[in-house]
Amino acid sequence: MINWVLENMTNPSIQIYDLIESKMNEIILTINQTYSIFEADKLHGELRILDWIFYQVCINNE
């Protein structure tokens, strides 16, 4: 997940904030459509990581 963000941050044509937010929304949608607690738990972990990265990227660019 962190590598995905770092790879996309190196491309100046990508709006990283919008990309991270879009990925977070995609994960939330997948969580809401998942019936397996084990799969949902893994996705919640990815969502927490993205939320932390989003916060760090935004706070460092203010």
N, C-alpha and C. Protein backbone atom coordinates (compact mmCIF):
# COMPACT_ATOMS: atom_id res chain seq x y z
N MET A 1 0.82 -1.19 0.00
CA MET A 1 0.00 0.00 0.00
C MET A 1 0.88 1.26 0.00
N ILE A 2 1.89 1.26 0.85
CA ILE A 2 2.78 2.42 0.90
C ILE A 2 3.54 2.56 -0.41
N ASN A 3 4.00 1.46 -0.97
CA ASN A 3 4.69 1.51 -2.26
C ASN A 3 3.78 2.07 -3.35
N TRP A 4 2.50 1.69 -3.32
CA TRP A 4 1.53 2.18 -4.30
C TRP A 4 1.45 3.71 -4.23
N VAL A 5 1.37 4.26 -3.01
CA VAL A 5 1.30 5.71 -2.84
C VAL A 5 2.59 6.37 -3.32
N LEU A 6 3.72 5.82 -2.90
CA LEU A 6 5.00 6.41 -3.28
C LEU A 6 5.21 6.40 -4.79
N GLU A 7 4.84 5.32 -5.44
CA GLU A 7 4.96 5.25 -6.90
C GLU A 7 4.11 6.32 -7.57
N ASN A 8 2.90 6.53 -7.06
CA ASN A 8 2.01 7.52 -7.66
C ASN A 8 2.41 8.95 -7.31
N MET A 9 3.11 9.14 -6.20
CA MET A 9 3.55 10.49 -5.83
C MET A 9 4.66 10.98 -6.74
N THR A 10 5.40 10.07 -7.36
CA THR A 10 6.50 10.48 -8.22
C THR A 10 6.03 11.00 -9.58
N ASN A 11 4.77 10.78 -9.89
CA ASN A 11 4.21 11.25 -11.15
C ASN A 11 3.53 12.60 -10.91
N PRO A 12 4.11 13.69 -11.41
CA PRO A 12 3.56 15.03 -11.14
C PRO A 12 2.18 15.27 -11.75
N SER A 13 1.79 14.47 -12.71
CA SER A 13 0.48 14.68 -13.33
C SER A 13 -0.66 14.08 -12.51
N ILE A 14 -0.31 13.32 -11.47
CA ILE A 14 -1.34 12.68 -10.64
C ILE A 14 -1.62 13.55 -9.42
N GLN A 15 -2.89 13.81 -9.18
CA GLN A 15 -3.32 14.51 -7.97
C GLN A 15 -3.42 13.48 -6.85
N ILE A 16 -2.37 13.38 -6.02
CA ILE A 16 -2.27 12.30 -5.05
C ILE A 16 -3.41 12.33 -4.04
N TYR A 17 -3.87 13.51 -3.64
CA TYR A 17 -4.97 13.59 -2.68
C TYR A 17 -6.22 12.91 -3.23
N ASP A 18 -6.55 13.26 -4.47
CA ASP A 18 -7.74 12.69 -5.10
C ASP A 18 -7.58 11.18 -5.30
N LEU A 19 -6.38 10.76 -5.65
CA LEU A 19 -6.13 9.34 -5.87
C LEU A 19 -6.28 8.53 -4.58
N ILE A 20 -5.72 9.04 -3.48
CA ILE A 20 -5.83 8.34 -2.20
C ILE A 20 -7.28 8.30 -1.75
N GLU A 21 -7.97 9.43 -1.87
CA GLU A 21 -9.38 9.48 -1.46
C GLU A 21 -10.22 8.51 -2.29
N SER A 22 -9.95 8.43 -3.58
CA SER A 22 -10.67 7.51 -4.45
C SER A 22 -10.42 6.06 -4.04
N LYS A 23 -9.17 5.74 -3.73
CA LYS A 23 -8.82 4.38 -3.30
C LYS A 23 -9.50 4.06 -1.97
N MET A 24 -9.57 5.03 -1.06
CA MET A 24 -10.24 4.82 0.22
C MET A 24 -11.72 4.54 0.00
N ASN A 25 -12.35 5.30 -0.87
CA ASN A 25 -13.77 5.09 -1.17
C ASN A 25 -14.01 3.72 -1.80
N GLU A 26 -13.08 3.29 -2.65
CA GLU A 26 -13.18 1.97 -3.28
C GLU A 26 -13.10 0.87 -2.21
N ILE A 27 -12.20 1.02 -1.26
CA ILE A 27 -12.07 0.02 -0.19
C ILE A 27 -13.31 0.01 0.69
N ILE A 28 -13.85 1.18 1.03
CA ILE A 28 -15.07 1.26 1.84
C ILE A 28 -16.21 0.55 1.14
N LEU A 29 -16.36 0.78 -0.16
CA LEU A 29 -17.41 0.13 -0.93
C LEU A 29 -17.23 -1.39 -0.90
N THR A 30 -16.00 -1.84 -1.07
CA THR A 30 -15.73 -3.28 -1.03
C THR A 30 -16.03 -3.85 0.35
N ILE A 31 -15.68 -3.12 1.41
CA ILE A 31 -15.99 -3.57 2.78
C ILE A 31 -17.50 -3.72 2.94
N ASN A 32 -18.25 -2.74 2.46
CA ASN A 32 -19.70 -2.77 2.61
C ASN A 32 -20.34 -3.91 1.83
N GLN A 33 -19.66 -4.40 0.80
CA GLN A 33 -20.20 -5.49 -0.01
C GLN A 33 -19.65 -6.86 0.41
N THR A 34 -18.79 -6.87 1.42
CA THR A 34 -18.15 -8.11 1.86
C THR A 34 -18.90 -8.72 3.02
N TYR A 35 -19.15 -10.00 2.94
CA TYR A 35 -19.86 -10.69 4.01
C TYR A 35 -18.90 -11.40 4.96
N SER A 36 -17.69 -11.65 4.52
CA SER A 36 -16.71 -12.37 5.33
C SER A 36 -16.01 -11.41 6.29
N ILE A 37 -16.08 -11.70 7.58
CA ILE A 37 -15.44 -10.86 8.59
C ILE A 37 -13.93 -10.83 8.40
N PHE A 38 -13.37 -11.95 7.94
CA PHE A 38 -11.92 -12.02 7.76
C PHE A 38 -11.46 -11.12 6.62
N GLU A 39 -12.19 -11.13 5.52
CA GLU A 39 -11.85 -10.27 4.38
C GLU A 39 -12.06 -8.80 4.74
N ALA A 40 -13.16 -8.50 5.43
CA ALA A 40 -13.45 -7.12 5.82
C ALA A 40 -12.38 -6.59 6.77
N ASP A 41 -11.90 -7.45 7.68
CA ASP A 41 -10.87 -7.02 8.63
C ASP A 41 -9.58 -6.63 7.91
N LYS A 42 -9.20 -7.40 6.90
CA LYS A 42 -8.01 -7.09 6.10
C LYS A 42 -8.19 -5.74 5.40
N LEU A 43 -9.38 -5.51 4.86
CA LEU A 43 -9.65 -4.26 4.16
C LEU A 43 -9.67 -3.08 5.12
N HIS A 44 -10.18 -3.29 6.34
CA HIS A 44 -10.16 -2.22 7.34
C HIS A 44 -8.71 -1.84 7.66
N GLY A 45 -7.82 -2.84 7.70
CA GLY A 45 -6.40 -2.56 7.92
C GLY A 45 -5.82 -1.70 6.81
N GLU A 46 -6.14 -2.03 5.57
CA GLU A 46 -5.67 -1.24 4.42
C GLU A 46 -6.23 0.18 4.49
N LEU A 47 -7.48 0.29 4.90
CA LEU A 47 -8.11 1.60 5.00
C LEU A 47 -7.44 2.46 6.07
N ARG A 48 -7.10 1.87 7.21
CA ARG A 48 -6.39 2.60 8.27
C ARG A 48 -5.03 3.08 7.78
N ILE A 49 -4.33 2.23 7.04
CA ILE A 49 -3.02 2.62 6.50
C ILE A 49 -3.17 3.79 5.53
N LEU A 50 -4.14 3.70 4.63
CA LEU A 50 -4.37 4.79 3.67
C LEU A 50 -4.76 6.08 4.37
N ASP A 51 -5.58 5.97 5.41
CA ASP A 51 -6.00 7.15 6.17
C ASP A 51 -4.78 7.82 6.80
N TRP A 52 -3.88 7.03 7.36
CA TRP A 52 -2.66 7.57 7.97
C TRP A 52 -1.79 8.24 6.90
N ILE A 53 -1.61 7.57 5.76
CA ILE A 53 -0.80 8.13 4.68
C ILE A 53 -1.42 9.44 4.18
N PHE A 54 -2.74 9.44 4.00
CA PHE A 54 -3.45 10.63 3.53
C PHE A 54 -3.20 11.80 4.48
N TYR A 55 -3.30 11.54 5.77
CA TYR A 55 -3.06 12.58 6.78
C TYR A 55 -1.63 13.09 6.68
N GLN A 56 -0.66 12.18 6.60
CA GLN A 56 0.75 12.58 6.54
C GLN A 56 1.05 13.40 5.28
N VAL A 57 0.53 12.98 4.16
CA VAL A 57 0.78 13.70 2.90
C VAL A 57 0.16 15.09 2.96
N CYS A 58 -1.06 15.18 3.47
CA CYS A 58 -1.75 16.47 3.52
C CYS A 58 -1.09 17.42 4.51
N ILE A 59 -0.72 16.93 5.68
CA ILE A 59 -0.13 17.79 6.71
C ILE A 59 1.24 18.30 6.27
N ASN A 60 1.98 17.50 5.52
CA ASN A 60 3.31 17.91 5.07
C ASN A 60 3.26 18.88 3.90
N ASN A 61 2.13 18.97 3.23
CA ASN A 61 2.01 19.87 2.08
C ASN A 61 1.26 21.15 2.40
N GLU A 62 0.94 21.36 3.67
CA GLU A 62 0.24 22.60 4.04
C GLU A 62 1.21 23.72 4.26
